[in-house]
Amino acid sequence: MRQGEHINARTRSTVSHLLAILALVAFCGPPDVADARITKIVIDTAKSESPTFGGYSWPGVGRYEKIVGTAFGEVDPSDPQNAVIVDVALGADPDGKARYSFDFYILKPLDLSKGAHKVMYEPPNRGRKTWANLGRVSVPDGADGNDPGSAITDPGVLANAFLMPRGYTMVWSGWDKSAAPNTAANPLSLTISLPTAKQSTQANPVGTIKGPAYEYIVTSGSSFALNYPAFDRTDKVTAKLTHRVHLNDTPQALLPSEWTYNASGTAISLVGKNFVANDIYEFSYTAKDPTVNGLGFAAIRDWVAWLRYETADDFGTANPLAGDITRVYTEISSQPGRLLNDFRHLGFNQAEKVKNQMGKKVFDGMMQWIAAGDGINMNYRFS
């Protein structure tokens, strides 16, 4: 065999091997990618309403409907976009996925084809909606401002509103672990359920994590609920409660005999008196069972991306906004603005690379009000 023939034979052999590898890859399909997504939505038919706003119809847009429910999501802690979440791997289930669920509330045109194909998304402020000023709506005295679809029915108010006559869809969803819980008096607070971080060792098979926690307390009640239970409610040596009247006063430590834990170590109270309204108390202690609060960022990212890019959940329940959204903007007041400052800084405005999303953006624009440039300090253990 001459030299040229030898080279050609070797080249043909190499090409054959490459073709065989490509064929195998094609047969096996593309490699798995990180699968962070909304897996299920459950619509609460008792709280939803169609039409809503008392059946009022806006010229050119028509009537609106209210969709209320719970969404369930999961993230893969190994993906770089999720690895930034503190303790996310320690909050994962045995299959390696970290899961969460949250409440959502949607107001949308009944006929989306007549709408603006744009969404105003608002992260609630401590579980409450704060859109009234931007929306140019007022809630009647005694009505539930957290349920605008049912509370606002005055034709004069609705005709003068800002978003609905323009066909906007409005979306809210829970993200804040410390949001006010749902109660009979507050049935539509938007909350989130998060996993607890665990770290099992031979000496600690249960996996309970403990560490320093801090509470800034301004209240007038007889007790204050802690964000995390005390690791040892009998320990009043390392735990410290201070009091001051003004922010620039020197904090004064209370004696251990002047305050107490409740029986479960989930709240503290003063002995024989209430907390003084508007005074400042600070409590540092050893807590246990931190929740993975940074998943609140992922919950917003994955929810808005699901509404924007997907058609249905894993169980076939249709996305109520499927194929409609061309733009998503945020509107906030105060605390949620600090949330969104960190949301952008930590890279959550890029959707996970799953299904149809392929790393697309989540929000097109943000209107921050009051929050300035501060962050929310949410992505920490015992935050």
Protein backbone atom coordinates (compact mmCIF):
# COMPACT_ATOMS: atom_id res chain seq x y z
CA MET A 1 0.00 0.00 0.00
CA ARG A 2 1.36 3.40 -0.99
CA GLN A 3 1.56 6.21 1.61
CA GLY A 4 -1.39 8.16 0.20
CA GLU A 5 -3.59 5.08 0.23
CA HIS A 6 -2.62 4.41 3.85
CA ILE A 7 -3.62 7.95 4.86
CA ASN A 8 -6.94 7.68 3.01
CA ALA A 9 -7.68 4.35 4.67
CA ARG A 10 -6.91 5.81 8.09
CA THR A 11 -9.13 8.81 7.35
CA ARG A 12 -12.01 6.57 6.26
CA SER A 13 -11.61 4.55 9.46
CA THR A 14 -11.72 7.71 11.60
CA VAL A 15 -14.81 9.00 9.80
CA SER A 16 -16.51 5.63 10.26
CA HIS A 17 -15.84 5.75 13.99
CA LEU A 18 -17.21 9.30 14.23
CA LEU A 19 -20.34 8.36 12.32
CA ALA A 20 -20.88 5.40 14.63
CA ILE A 21 -20.58 7.65 17.69
CA LEU A 22 -23.00 10.22 16.23
CA ALA A 23 -25.48 7.48 15.41
CA LEU A 24 -25.30 6.23 19.00
CA VAL A 25 -25.84 9.74 20.36
CA ALA A 26 -28.80 10.24 18.04
CA PHE A 27 -30.28 6.92 19.17
CA CYS A 28 -29.82 7.68 22.84
CA GLY A 29 -31.12 11.24 22.53
CA PRO A 30 -29.61 14.45 23.91
CA PRO A 31 -27.95 14.41 27.32
CA ASP A 32 -30.13 15.22 30.31
CA VAL A 33 -30.24 18.88 31.32
CA ALA A 34 -31.10 20.44 34.64
CA ASP A 35 -34.81 20.08 35.24
CA ALA A 36 -35.98 23.00 37.38
CA ARG A 37 -39.61 23.64 36.70
CA ILE A 38 -43.16 23.93 37.90
CA THR A 39 -44.33 20.32 38.03
CA LYS A 40 -47.97 20.78 39.05
CA ILE A 41 -50.62 23.43 39.57
CA VAL A 42 -53.83 22.92 41.52
CA ILE A 43 -56.60 25.45 40.91
CA ASP A 44 -58.84 26.20 43.89
CA THR A 45 -62.27 26.38 42.29
CA ALA A 46 -63.85 27.68 45.51
CA LYS A 47 -61.61 30.77 45.48
CA SER A 48 -61.48 31.27 41.71
CA GLU A 49 -64.17 33.27 39.91
CA SER A 50 -65.24 33.75 36.29
CA PRO A 51 -66.19 36.43 35.52
CA THR A 52 -64.72 38.48 38.34
CA PHE A 53 -64.84 42.23 39.18
CA GLY A 54 -68.61 41.80 39.49
CA GLY A 55 -68.86 40.91 35.80
CA TYR A 56 -67.69 44.36 34.67
CA SER A 57 -66.65 44.48 31.00
CA TRP A 58 -64.01 46.88 29.65
CA PRO A 59 -64.52 48.25 26.12
CA GLY A 60 -62.39 46.35 23.64
CA VAL A 61 -61.07 43.98 26.35
CA GLY A 62 -64.15 42.41 27.88
CA ARG A 63 -64.52 40.73 31.26
CA TYR A 64 -61.85 39.30 33.54
CA GLU A 65 -61.53 36.08 35.49
CA LYS A 66 -59.73 35.22 38.72
CA ILE A 67 -57.64 32.05 39.03
CA VAL A 68 -56.40 31.09 42.50
CA GLY A 69 -54.44 28.01 43.45
CA THR A 70 -51.21 26.34 44.48
CA ALA A 71 -48.17 25.59 42.35
CA PHE A 72 -45.52 22.95 43.02
CA GLY A 73 -41.94 23.14 41.77
CA GLU A 74 -38.55 21.49 42.01
CA VAL A 75 -34.93 22.36 41.29
CA ASP A 76 -31.76 20.38 40.73
CA PRO A 77 -29.17 21.62 43.27
CA SER A 78 -26.30 20.51 41.02
CA ASP A 79 -27.15 23.00 38.30
CA PRO A 80 -24.99 26.15 38.56
CA GLN A 81 -28.07 28.37 38.36
CA ASN A 82 -29.45 26.71 41.50
CA ALA A 83 -26.19 26.01 43.32
CA VAL A 84 -26.09 29.67 44.37
CA ILE A 85 -29.03 28.96 46.73
CA VAL A 86 -27.66 28.45 50.24
CA ASP A 87 -28.35 24.94 51.64
CA VAL A 88 -30.32 23.90 48.55
CA ALA A 89 -28.60 20.48 48.42
CA LEU A 90 -29.29 19.98 52.14
CA GLY A 91 -32.99 20.56 51.48
CA ALA A 92 -33.24 17.99 48.69
CA ASP A 93 -35.40 14.88 48.76
CA PRO A 94 -33.78 11.41 48.42
CA ASP A 95 -33.99 11.69 44.62
CA GLY A 96 -31.79 14.78 44.71
CA LYS A 97 -34.46 17.39 43.90
CA ALA A 98 -35.34 20.26 46.24
CA ARG A 99 -39.09 20.91 46.20
CA TYR A 100 -41.35 23.78 47.21
CA SER A 101 -44.94 24.97 46.76
CA PHE A 102 -46.62 28.37 46.83
CA ASP A 103 -49.95 30.18 46.47
CA PHE A 104 -50.76 32.11 43.31
CA TYR A 105 -53.43 34.61 42.25
CA ILE A 106 -54.10 35.60 38.62
CA LEU A 107 -56.42 38.22 37.11
CA LYS A 108 -56.67 37.83 33.33
CA PRO A 109 -58.99 38.76 30.46
CA LEU A 110 -61.51 36.00 29.80
CA ASP A 111 -60.63 36.31 26.12
CA LEU A 112 -56.85 36.59 26.01
CA SER A 113 -56.94 37.45 22.31
CA LYS A 114 -58.42 40.83 23.30
CA GLY A 115 -55.79 41.44 25.96
CA ALA A 116 -52.43 43.20 25.80
CA HIS A 117 -50.45 39.93 25.90
CA LYS A 118 -48.47 41.52 28.73
CA VAL A 119 -48.21 40.64 32.41
CA MET A 120 -47.77 42.83 35.46
CA TYR A 121 -46.17 40.53 38.05
CA GLU A 122 -45.97 41.63 41.66
CA PRO A 123 -44.13 39.72 44.39
CA PRO A 124 -46.39 40.29 47.41
CA ASN A 125 -45.18 42.34 50.36
CA ARG A 126 -45.37 39.98 53.35
CA GLY A 127 -48.12 38.06 51.59
CA ARG A 128 -50.13 41.16 50.64
CA LYS A 129 -50.78 42.84 47.29
CA THR A 130 -49.57 46.45 47.01
CA TRP A 131 -50.63 47.28 43.46
CA ALA A 132 -53.60 49.57 44.27
CA ASN A 133 -51.82 52.86 43.56
CA LEU A 134 -50.31 51.70 40.27
CA GLY A 135 -53.55 49.96 39.34
CA ARG A 136 -55.50 53.12 40.19
CA VAL A 137 -58.04 51.15 42.15
CA SER A 138 -59.48 51.56 45.63
CA VAL A 139 -60.91 48.81 47.79
CA PRO A 140 -64.16 49.54 49.65
CA ASP A 141 -63.95 49.83 53.43
CA GLY A 142 -64.30 46.44 55.05
CA ALA A 143 -63.49 44.52 51.86
CA ASP A 144 -60.45 42.26 51.46
CA GLY A 145 -57.80 44.17 49.54
CA ASN A 146 -55.94 40.91 49.01
CA ASP A 147 -58.85 39.70 46.85
CA PRO A 148 -59.32 42.58 44.39
CA GLY A 149 -61.25 40.49 41.88
CA SER A 150 -64.12 40.04 44.31
CA ALA A 151 -63.63 43.19 46.38
CA ILE A 152 -63.66 45.80 43.59
CA THR A 153 -66.99 45.94 41.77
CA ASP A 154 -67.75 49.68 41.55
CA PRO A 155 -68.13 50.47 37.81
CA GLY A 156 -66.73 53.98 38.32
CA VAL A 157 -63.58 52.65 39.98
CA LEU A 158 -63.13 49.90 37.41
CA ALA A 159 -63.61 52.21 34.42
CA ASN A 160 -60.89 54.49 35.80
CA ALA A 161 -58.42 51.66 36.52
CA PHE A 162 -55.01 51.62 34.85
CA LEU A 163 -54.21 48.01 33.95
CA MET A 164 -57.50 46.27 33.13
CA PRO A 165 -58.74 48.75 30.45
CA ARG A 166 -55.40 48.12 28.72
CA GLY A 167 -55.85 44.35 28.81
CA TYR A 168 -53.00 43.51 31.19
CA THR A 169 -52.89 40.21 33.05
CA MET A 170 -51.88 40.56 36.72
CA VAL A 171 -50.05 37.78 38.55
CA TRP A 172 -48.99 37.37 42.19
CA SER A 173 -47.28 34.41 43.86
CA GLY A 174 -45.82 33.49 47.24
CA TRP A 175 -42.06 33.65 47.82
CA ASP A 176 -41.57 34.89 51.40
CA LYS A 177 -41.17 32.35 54.20
CA SER A 178 -42.15 34.98 56.78
CA ALA A 179 -45.36 36.06 55.00
CA ALA A 180 -48.51 36.15 57.09
CA PRO A 181 -50.15 32.71 57.10
CA ASN A 182 -53.51 31.96 55.56
CA THR A 183 -56.27 32.28 58.15
CA ALA A 184 -60.04 32.66 58.11
CA ALA A 185 -59.53 36.41 58.53
CA ASN A 186 -56.78 36.49 55.88
CA PRO A 187 -57.64 33.68 53.44
CA LEU A 188 -55.64 34.92 50.45
CA SER A 189 -52.23 35.65 51.93
CA LEU A 190 -49.70 34.42 49.39
CA THR A 191 -47.32 32.04 51.13
CA ILE A 192 -44.60 29.55 50.24
CA SER A 193 -43.71 26.15 51.71
CA LEU A 194 -40.00 25.39 51.78
CA PRO A 195 -37.90 22.34 52.71
CA THR A 196 -35.88 22.25 55.91
CA ALA A 197 -32.13 21.81 55.53
CA LYS A 198 -30.77 18.62 57.12
CA GLN A 199 -27.21 17.34 57.38
CA SER A 200 -26.92 13.80 58.73
CA THR A 201 -23.70 12.60 60.33
CA GLN A 202 -22.78 9.59 62.40
CA ALA A 203 -23.06 11.69 65.54
CA ASN A 204 -26.27 13.38 64.33
CA PRO A 205 -28.26 10.85 62.26
CA VAL A 206 -31.44 12.97 62.44
CA GLY A 207 -29.57 15.69 60.62
CA THR A 208 -30.77 18.62 62.73
CA ILE A 209 -28.86 21.78 61.89
CA LYS A 210 -28.36 24.43 64.55
CA GLY A 211 -26.77 27.84 64.38
CA PRO A 212 -26.98 31.52 65.31
CA ALA A 213 -30.23 33.32 64.54
CA TYR A 214 -31.34 36.90 65.04
CA GLU A 215 -34.74 38.61 65.32
CA TYR A 216 -35.45 42.35 65.01
CA ILE A 217 -38.67 42.83 66.96
CA VAL A 218 -41.09 45.76 66.77
CA THR A 219 -44.42 44.64 68.13
CA SER A 220 -47.02 45.41 70.77
CA GLY A 221 -48.30 41.95 71.55
CA SER A 222 -47.77 39.69 74.51
CA SER A 223 -45.51 37.33 72.55
CA PHE A 224 -43.38 37.21 69.40
CA ALA A 225 -43.22 34.18 67.10
CA LEU A 226 -39.67 33.26 66.12
CA ASN A 227 -38.79 32.48 62.53
CA TYR A 228 -37.00 29.32 63.72
CA PRO A 229 -37.46 27.24 66.87
CA ALA A 230 -34.82 27.45 69.58
CA PHE A 231 -32.40 24.54 69.61
CA ASP A 232 -32.58 24.43 73.41
CA ARG A 233 -35.32 26.47 75.04
CA THR A 234 -33.73 26.02 78.45
CA ASP A 235 -30.58 27.82 77.28
CA LYS A 236 -30.82 31.41 78.47
CA VAL A 237 -27.07 31.90 78.75
CA THR A 238 -26.17 32.29 75.08
CA ALA A 239 -29.59 33.71 74.16
CA LYS A 240 -29.83 37.48 74.60
CA LEU A 241 -32.77 39.91 74.42
CA THR A 242 -32.15 43.67 74.29
CA HIS A 243 -34.44 46.71 74.36
CA ARG A 244 -34.16 50.33 73.26
CA VAL A 245 -36.64 53.12 72.56
CA HIS A 246 -34.90 54.90 69.68
CA LEU A 247 -32.72 53.52 66.92
CA ASN A 248 -29.67 55.49 68.07
CA ASP A 249 -30.05 54.46 71.75
CA THR A 250 -27.67 51.91 73.24
CA PRO A 251 -29.46 48.53 73.48
CA GLN A 252 -29.99 47.41 77.08
CA ALA A 253 -29.86 43.68 77.83
CA LEU A 254 -32.84 42.21 79.66
CA LEU A 255 -32.20 39.77 82.49
CA PRO A 256 -32.89 36.09 81.70
CA SER A 257 -35.67 36.25 84.29
CA GLU A 258 -37.41 39.04 82.35
CA TRP A 259 -38.27 36.94 79.29
CA THR A 260 -39.22 33.36 78.51
CA TYR A 261 -39.72 30.88 75.69
CA ASN A 262 -43.06 29.18 75.11
CA ALA A 263 -43.29 25.42 75.64
CA SER A 264 -42.20 24.57 72.09
CA GLY A 265 -39.42 27.14 71.87
CA THR A 266 -41.07 28.81 68.89
CA ALA A 267 -41.91 32.15 70.54
CA ILE A 268 -40.72 34.45 73.31
CA SER A 269 -42.62 36.73 75.67
CA LEU A 270 -41.82 39.20 78.41
CA VAL A 271 -42.56 38.14 81.97
CA GLY A 272 -45.54 40.01 83.39
CA LYS A 273 -45.88 42.61 80.62
CA ASN A 274 -46.28 43.16 76.89
CA PHE A 275 -43.78 44.40 74.35
CA VAL A 276 -43.93 48.22 74.12
CA ALA A 277 -45.37 49.40 70.81
CA ASN A 278 -42.76 50.94 68.47
CA ASP A 279 -39.87 50.14 70.81
CA ILE A 280 -37.02 48.06 69.40
CA TYR A 281 -36.16 44.61 70.75
CA GLU A 282 -33.40 42.41 69.37
CA PHE A 283 -33.09 38.72 70.11
CA SER A 284 -30.07 36.55 69.32
CA TYR A 285 -30.17 32.82 70.06
CA THR A 286 -29.23 29.36 68.84
CA ALA A 287 -31.91 28.11 66.46
CA LYS A 288 -32.54 24.85 64.62
CA ASP A 289 -34.14 23.62 61.39
CA PRO A 290 -33.34 26.37 58.86
CA THR A 291 -35.57 26.47 55.81
CA VAL A 292 -34.02 26.92 52.37
CA ASN A 293 -35.28 30.47 51.95
CA GLY A 294 -33.29 31.17 48.78
CA LEU A 295 -35.69 28.86 46.94
CA GLY A 296 -38.04 31.85 46.95
CA PHE A 297 -35.92 33.27 44.11
CA ALA A 298 -36.25 30.04 42.12
CA ALA A 299 -39.99 29.91 42.80
CA ILE A 300 -40.48 33.30 41.15
CA ARG A 301 -38.15 32.46 38.25
CA ASP A 302 -39.71 29.08 37.50
CA TRP A 303 -43.32 30.25 37.95
CA VAL A 304 -43.04 33.24 35.61
CA ALA A 305 -41.01 31.20 33.11
CA TRP A 306 -43.63 28.43 33.21
CA LEU A 307 -46.45 30.90 32.56
CA ARG A 308 -44.45 32.50 29.78
CA TYR A 309 -43.02 29.50 27.93
CA GLU A 310 -44.87 26.28 28.84
CA THR A 311 -48.26 24.87 27.86
CA ALA A 312 -49.12 22.48 30.72
CA ASP A 313 -47.79 20.92 33.91
CA ASP A 314 -46.50 17.36 34.22
CA PHE A 315 -50.04 16.08 34.81
CA GLY A 316 -51.67 17.76 31.82
CA THR A 317 -53.23 20.72 33.61
CA ALA A 318 -53.18 23.58 31.11
CA ASN A 319 -51.20 26.75 31.64
CA PRO A 320 -53.93 29.45 31.79
CA LEU A 321 -51.64 31.90 29.96
CA ALA A 322 -50.09 29.48 27.47
CA GLY A 323 -48.86 31.15 24.31
CA ASP A 324 -50.15 34.59 25.24
CA ILE A 325 -47.29 36.42 26.97
CA THR A 326 -44.98 38.72 25.00
CA ARG A 327 -43.71 40.82 27.92
CA VAL A 328 -43.58 40.54 31.73
CA TYR A 329 -42.96 43.55 33.95
CA THR A 330 -42.74 43.80 37.72
CA GLU A 331 -44.26 46.41 40.01
CA ILE A 332 -43.30 46.56 43.65
CA SER A 333 -43.31 48.68 46.76
CA SER A 334 -40.61 48.38 49.44
CA GLN A 335 -39.58 44.87 50.58
CA PRO A 336 -40.16 43.03 47.26
CA GLY A 337 -37.87 45.52 45.54
CA ARG A 338 -34.99 44.38 47.73
CA LEU A 339 -35.94 40.83 46.77
CA LEU A 340 -35.74 41.65 43.07
CA ASN A 341 -32.42 43.48 43.46
CA ASP A 342 -30.90 40.21 44.69
CA PHE A 343 -32.95 38.24 42.15
CA ARG A 344 -31.14 40.04 39.31
CA HIS A 345 -27.76 40.07 41.04
CA LEU A 346 -27.82 36.30 41.65
CA GLY A 347 -28.75 35.48 38.04
CA PHE A 348 -32.37 34.38 38.46
CA ASN A 349 -33.67 36.48 35.57
CA GLN A 350 -32.44 33.71 33.26
CA ALA A 351 -34.86 30.81 33.08
CA GLU A 352 -33.56 27.28 33.57
CA LYS A 353 -32.64 25.38 30.41
CA VAL A 354 -35.62 23.03 30.31
CA LYS A 355 -38.19 22.14 27.72
CA ASN A 356 -39.04 25.23 25.69
CA GLN A 357 -37.38 27.78 27.93
CA MET A 358 -33.74 27.33 26.87
CA GLY A 359 -32.36 29.95 29.23
CA LYS A 360 -34.68 32.73 28.08
CA LYS A 361 -35.23 35.82 30.19
CA VAL A 362 -37.91 35.91 32.86
CA PHE A 363 -38.71 39.63 33.24
CA ASP A 364 -38.44 42.31 30.58
CA GLY A 365 -38.47 45.26 32.97
CA MET A 366 -38.75 46.13 36.65
CA MET A 367 -40.25 49.18 38.32
CA GLN A 368 -38.70 49.49 41.78
CA TRP A 369 -40.34 51.79 44.31
CA ILE A 370 -38.85 52.62 47.75
CA ALA A 371 -36.41 49.67 47.73
CA ALA A 372 -33.41 51.70 46.45
CA GLY A 373 -30.36 49.50 45.74
CA ASP A 374 -30.43 47.36 48.88
CA GLY A 375 -30.72 43.57 48.88
CA ILE A 376 -32.98 41.43 51.05
CA ASN A 377 -30.39 39.23 52.78
CA MET A 378 -32.63 36.21 52.18
CA ASN A 379 -30.07 33.79 50.80
CA TYR A 380 -28.43 32.87 54.11
CA ARG A 381 -28.85 30.10 56.63
CA PHE A 382 -31.35 31.24 59.29
CA SER A 383 -32.13 34.34 57.23
